Protein backbone atom coordinates (compact mmCIF):
# COMPACT_ATOMS: atom_id res chain seq x y z
CA MET A 1 -4.18 -4.81 20.59
CA GLY A 2 -0.83 -3.42 19.39
CA ALA A 3 -1.36 -3.98 15.66
CA ALA A 4 -1.63 -2.00 12.43
CA ILE A 5 -3.58 -2.70 9.26
CA VAL A 6 -0.99 -3.06 6.49
CA LEU A 7 -1.10 -3.47 2.73
CA LYS A 8 1.83 -5.44 1.33
CA PRO A 9 2.71 -7.91 -1.41
CA LYS A 10 1.34 -11.37 -0.70
CA GLU A 11 4.21 -13.55 0.53
CA ASP A 12 3.39 -16.59 -1.59
CA ASP A 13 2.36 -14.53 -4.64
CA PRO A 14 4.26 -11.21 -5.03
CA GLY A 15 2.03 -10.34 -8.00
CA SER A 16 -0.88 -9.99 -5.56
CA LEU A 17 -1.52 -7.77 -2.55
CA GLU A 18 -2.64 -8.63 0.96
CA ILE A 19 -4.27 -6.64 3.73
CA CYS A 20 -3.19 -8.03 7.08
CA LEU A 21 -2.63 -7.14 10.69
CA VAL A 22 0.98 -6.65 11.74
CA HIS A 23 2.26 -6.34 15.30
CA LEU A 24 3.50 -2.82 15.91
CA SER A 25 6.79 -4.23 17.13
CA ASP A 26 7.34 -5.68 13.63
CA LEU A 27 7.13 -2.16 12.18
CA LEU A 28 9.84 -0.61 14.34
CA GLU A 29 12.69 1.06 12.45
CA GLN A 30 10.56 1.23 9.28
CA THR A 31 8.97 4.08 7.40
CA LEU A 32 5.44 3.67 6.12
CA GLU A 33 3.07 5.47 3.81
CA LEU A 34 -0.56 6.03 4.82
CA VAL A 35 -2.98 5.60 1.90
CA GLY A 36 -6.73 5.80 1.88
CA THR A 37 -9.97 7.66 1.50
CA ASN A 38 -8.98 10.84 3.33
CA ILE A 39 -5.30 10.96 2.32
CA ASN A 40 -3.92 13.19 -0.46
CA GLY A 41 -7.16 13.26 -2.43
CA ASN A 42 -7.38 9.42 -2.42
CA PRO A 43 -5.45 8.80 -5.65
CA TYR A 44 -6.06 5.04 -5.30
CA GLY A 45 -9.88 5.39 -5.10
CA ILE A 46 -10.06 3.41 -1.85
CA GLY A 47 -13.29 3.36 0.19
CA ASN A 48 -15.77 6.22 0.32
CA LYS A 49 -16.76 9.07 2.65
CA LYS A 50 -19.38 6.96 4.46
CA ASN A 51 -17.01 4.00 4.90
CA PRO A 52 -13.41 5.18 4.59
CA ILE A 53 -10.51 2.76 4.27
CA HIS A 54 -6.98 3.62 5.43
CA LEU A 55 -3.97 1.32 5.18
CA LEU A 56 -0.26 1.52 5.93
CA VAL A 57 2.18 0.52 3.21
CA PRO A 58 5.73 -0.21 4.41
CA HIS A 59 8.40 1.52 2.33
CA GLY A 60 10.50 -1.18 0.74
CA ALA A 61 7.59 -3.63 0.55
CA PHE A 62 7.59 -3.35 -3.23
CA VAL A 63 10.77 -4.26 -5.05
CA ILE A 64 11.98 -1.91 -7.76
CA LYS A 65 12.45 -3.92 -10.93
CA ASP A 66 13.75 -2.94 -14.34
CA LEU A 67 15.52 0.21 -13.15
CA GLU A 68 18.88 0.02 -14.87
CA ALA A 69 20.54 3.10 -13.39
CA LEU A 70 19.86 6.03 -11.09
CA ASP A 71 20.06 8.70 -13.74
CA HIS A 72 17.39 11.05 -15.04
CA ASN A 73 16.59 9.12 -18.23
CA SER A 74 16.38 5.73 -16.49
CA LEU A 75 14.14 7.10 -13.76
CA MET A 76 11.85 8.81 -16.28
CA SER A 77 11.60 5.63 -18.33
CA TRP A 78 10.89 3.49 -15.25
CA PHE A 79 8.12 5.79 -13.97
CA GLU A 80 6.55 6.09 -17.44
CA HIS A 81 6.89 2.59 -18.89
CA CYS A 82 7.11 -0.02 -16.09
CA GLN A 83 4.08 -1.22 -14.12
CA GLU A 84 6.19 -1.04 -10.92
CA GLY A 85 6.82 2.62 -11.74
CA LYS A 86 3.12 3.48 -11.61
CA VAL A 87 3.57 4.83 -8.08
CA GLU A 88 3.62 8.28 -6.50
CA GLY A 89 7.29 8.02 -5.67
CA VAL A 90 10.19 6.00 -4.35
CA VAL A 91 12.00 6.18 -1.00
CA TRP A 92 15.66 5.20 -0.85
CA HIS A 93 17.12 4.08 2.48
CA CYS A 94 20.84 4.79 2.54
CA LYS A 95 23.42 2.94 4.62
CA ASP A 96 24.14 6.09 6.65
CA GLY A 97 20.46 6.28 7.70
CA SER A 98 19.53 9.05 5.27
CA LEU A 99 16.24 8.79 3.41
CA PHE A 100 15.50 10.24 0.00
CA LYS A 101 12.10 10.37 -1.64
CA LEU A 102 11.61 11.04 -5.31
CA HIS A 103 8.06 11.96 -6.33
CA ARG A 104 6.83 11.69 -9.89
CA HIS A 105 6.21 15.45 -9.87
CA HIS A 106 9.94 16.05 -9.20
CA LEU A 107 10.44 14.74 -12.74
CA GLY A 108 7.50 16.69 -14.15
CA LEU A 109 5.36 13.55 -14.37
CA HIS A 110 1.62 13.47 -13.71
CA TRP A 111 0.09 12.14 -10.48
CA PRO A 112 -2.36 10.63 -9.72
CA LEU A 113 -2.67 8.02 -12.45
CA ASN A 114 -5.82 6.13 -13.43
CA ASP A 115 -3.99 2.80 -13.26
CA THR A 116 -1.47 2.51 -10.43
CA ASN A 117 0.71 -0.31 -9.19
CA LEU A 118 -1.57 -0.67 -6.15
CA ASN A 119 -4.77 -0.71 -8.21
CA SER A 120 -3.61 -3.13 -10.87
CA LYS A 121 -3.11 -6.18 -8.65
CA PRO A 122 -5.54 -8.60 -7.01
CA VAL A 123 -5.84 -8.18 -3.24
CA SER A 124 -6.93 -10.50 -0.45
CA ILE A 125 -7.78 -9.81 3.17
CA ARG A 126 -6.04 -12.10 5.67
CA LEU A 127 -6.26 -10.45 9.06
CA GLY A 128 -5.29 -13.39 11.25
CA LEU A 129 -7.39 -12.09 14.14
CA CYS A 130 -6.79 -15.33 16.05
CA ASN A 131 -3.25 -14.02 16.71
CA TYR A 132 -4.64 -11.01 18.61
CA GLU A 133 -6.88 -10.36 21.57
CA TYR A 134 -9.75 -8.70 19.78
CA GLU A 135 -13.43 -8.44 20.61
CA ALA A 136 -15.36 -7.78 17.44
CA ASP A 137 -16.80 -4.28 17.27
CA TYR A 138 -18.42 -4.02 13.86
CA GLY A 139 -18.76 -0.26 14.25
CA THR A 140 -14.99 0.18 13.81
CA PHE A 141 -12.90 0.00 10.66
CA LEU A 142 -11.24 -3.22 11.86
CA GLY A 143 -14.62 -4.71 12.71
CA GLN A 144 -15.97 -3.89 9.24
CA LEU A 145 -12.81 -5.24 7.62
CA SER A 146 -13.04 -8.44 9.70
CA LYS A 147 -16.36 -9.21 7.97
CA LYS A 148 -14.34 -9.41 4.73
CA ASP A 149 -11.60 -11.62 6.21
CA THR A 150 -10.44 -14.26 3.69
CA CYS A 151 -12.17 -12.43 0.79
CA SER A 152 -10.32 -11.67 -2.43
CA TYR A 153 -10.83 -8.83 -4.90
CA ASP A 154 -9.63 -7.98 -8.40
CA ARG A 155 -8.40 -4.54 -7.29
CA LEU A 156 -7.94 -2.56 -4.09
CA LYS A 157 -10.69 -0.10 -5.01
CA ASP A 158 -13.19 -3.00 -5.27
CA ILE A 159 -13.21 -3.41 -1.48
CA LEU A 160 -16.35 -1.79 -0.11
CA LEU A 161 -17.29 -1.77 3.56
CA GLU A 162 -20.84 -1.55 4.91
């Protein structure tokens, strides 16, 4: 099939999220974060042990807003007071190819949070399976998710699979 299940901002509504299939070739030269039921204690409350949910989130998919400077005080203020800052960390991609990740805990800030940037936005499922050669197997994660195709939810943690 050559695709990954990705969580990203909805193109026509950046205040909302979208779960979609993305061709693997479209993810080349990117870094991604895996989030879900069995990852890092599931800080986003996604899925459950019987029906786990795992999604890839491309680094850079969420724009950093309201960060005035890259100094200690500005970073602390952004992480503590901006909705966009309610994340585990930030990855910077430098022109020379270097990557730097700053976690909340590097600044002595608590993680996980009850209300995160990923859990505070509505989310829709738009898989676009017609763009892929896929025979439905409802015993797989993708098969279960395909039953929810075109559904919308208030929050990511509201998605429950059967």
